[in-house]
Amino acid sequence: MCLIVTIIMLVLSIQNLMQQQWLTGIVQLIIALGFFALLMRNIITVRNEKQGCSTTGCSITDWFSNLFKKKED
């Protein structure tokens, strides 16, 4: 899902930047880069789990995911 959203937002961003719609293009580029960061984090996490490593990967996405973490009772 992250890959699909990343590709779509990147294509839309390039199209808008070529049409000189700067604000829309930059916002879509930022969204595409955010989804790309999530995709890379998922790939690194799965690779580390398969190798038995306990390192998580990117601390920026870990910090961001902790903002939306479920609260335990």
Protein backbone atom coordinates (compact mmCIF):
# COMPACT_ATOMS: atom_id res chain seq x y z
CA MET A 1 0.00 0.00 0.00
CA CYS A 2 2.82 2.42 0.84
CA LEU A 3 4.47 1.68 -2.49
CA ILE A 4 1.29 2.44 -4.44
CA VAL A 5 0.63 5.70 -2.58
CA THR A 6 4.28 6.72 -2.94
CA ILE A 7 4.28 6.18 -6.70
CA ILE A 8 0.93 7.93 -7.22
CA MET A 9 1.86 10.95 -5.12
CA LEU A 10 5.28 11.20 -6.77
CA VAL A 11 3.74 11.16 -10.26
CA LEU A 12 1.14 13.76 -9.26
CA SER A 13 3.85 15.89 -7.71
CA ILE A 14 5.98 15.82 -10.85
CA GLN A 15 2.97 16.70 -12.99
CA ASN A 16 2.04 19.65 -10.78
CA LEU A 17 5.61 20.92 -10.62
CA MET A 18 5.84 20.76 -14.42
CA GLN A 19 2.64 22.80 -14.65
CA GLN A 20 4.16 25.34 -12.23
CA GLN A 21 1.67 24.64 -9.47
CA TRP A 22 4.37 24.90 -6.84
CA LEU A 23 2.42 24.62 -3.59
CA THR A 24 0.40 21.58 -4.64
CA GLY A 25 3.47 19.90 -6.12
CA ILE A 26 5.59 20.46 -3.03
CA VAL A 27 2.87 19.19 -0.67
CA GLN A 28 2.44 16.06 -2.77
CA LEU A 29 6.22 15.58 -2.86
CA ILE A 30 6.38 15.80 0.94
CA ILE A 31 3.58 13.24 1.22
CA ALA A 32 5.40 10.93 -1.22
CA LEU A 33 8.63 11.24 0.76
CA GLY A 34 6.77 10.49 4.00
CA PHE A 35 5.29 7.32 2.57
CA PHE A 36 8.69 6.40 1.16
CA ALA A 37 10.19 6.73 4.65
CA LEU A 38 7.46 4.45 6.04
CA LEU A 39 8.13 1.94 3.26
CA MET A 40 11.86 1.90 4.01
CA ARG A 41 11.16 1.50 7.73
CA ASN A 42 8.93 -1.49 7.03
CA ILE A 43 11.54 -3.10 4.79
CA ILE A 44 14.29 -2.59 7.38
CA THR A 45 12.08 -3.92 10.19
CA VAL A 46 11.14 -7.08 8.28
CA ARG A 47 14.75 -7.70 7.25
CA ASN A 48 15.94 -7.29 10.85
CA GLU A 49 13.21 -9.60 12.16
CA LYS A 50 14.23 -12.30 9.68
CA GLN A 51 17.88 -11.97 10.70
CA GLY A 52 17.04 -11.97 14.40
CA CYS A 53 18.30 -8.43 15.05
CA SER A 54 16.56 -6.23 17.58
CA THR A 55 17.42 -2.87 16.03
CA THR A 56 14.46 -0.91 14.73
CA GLY A 57 15.88 1.30 11.99
CA CYS A 58 14.86 4.90 11.49
CA SER A 59 14.40 6.86 14.70
CA ILE A 60 12.32 9.56 12.98
CA THR A 61 9.57 7.14 11.96
CA ASP A 62 9.80 5.42 15.37
CA TRP A 63 9.23 8.78 17.06
CA PHE A 64 6.31 9.51 14.74
CA SER A 65 4.73 6.09 15.28
CA ASN A 66 4.99 6.53 19.05
CA LEU A 67 2.71 9.56 18.77
CA PHE A 68 -0.12 7.31 17.53
CA LYS A 69 0.62 4.28 19.68
CA LYS A 70 -2.29 2.49 21.35
CA LYS A 71 -2.46 3.16 25.05
CA GLU A 72 -2.40 0.03 27.16
CA ASP A 73 -4.71 -0.31 30.13
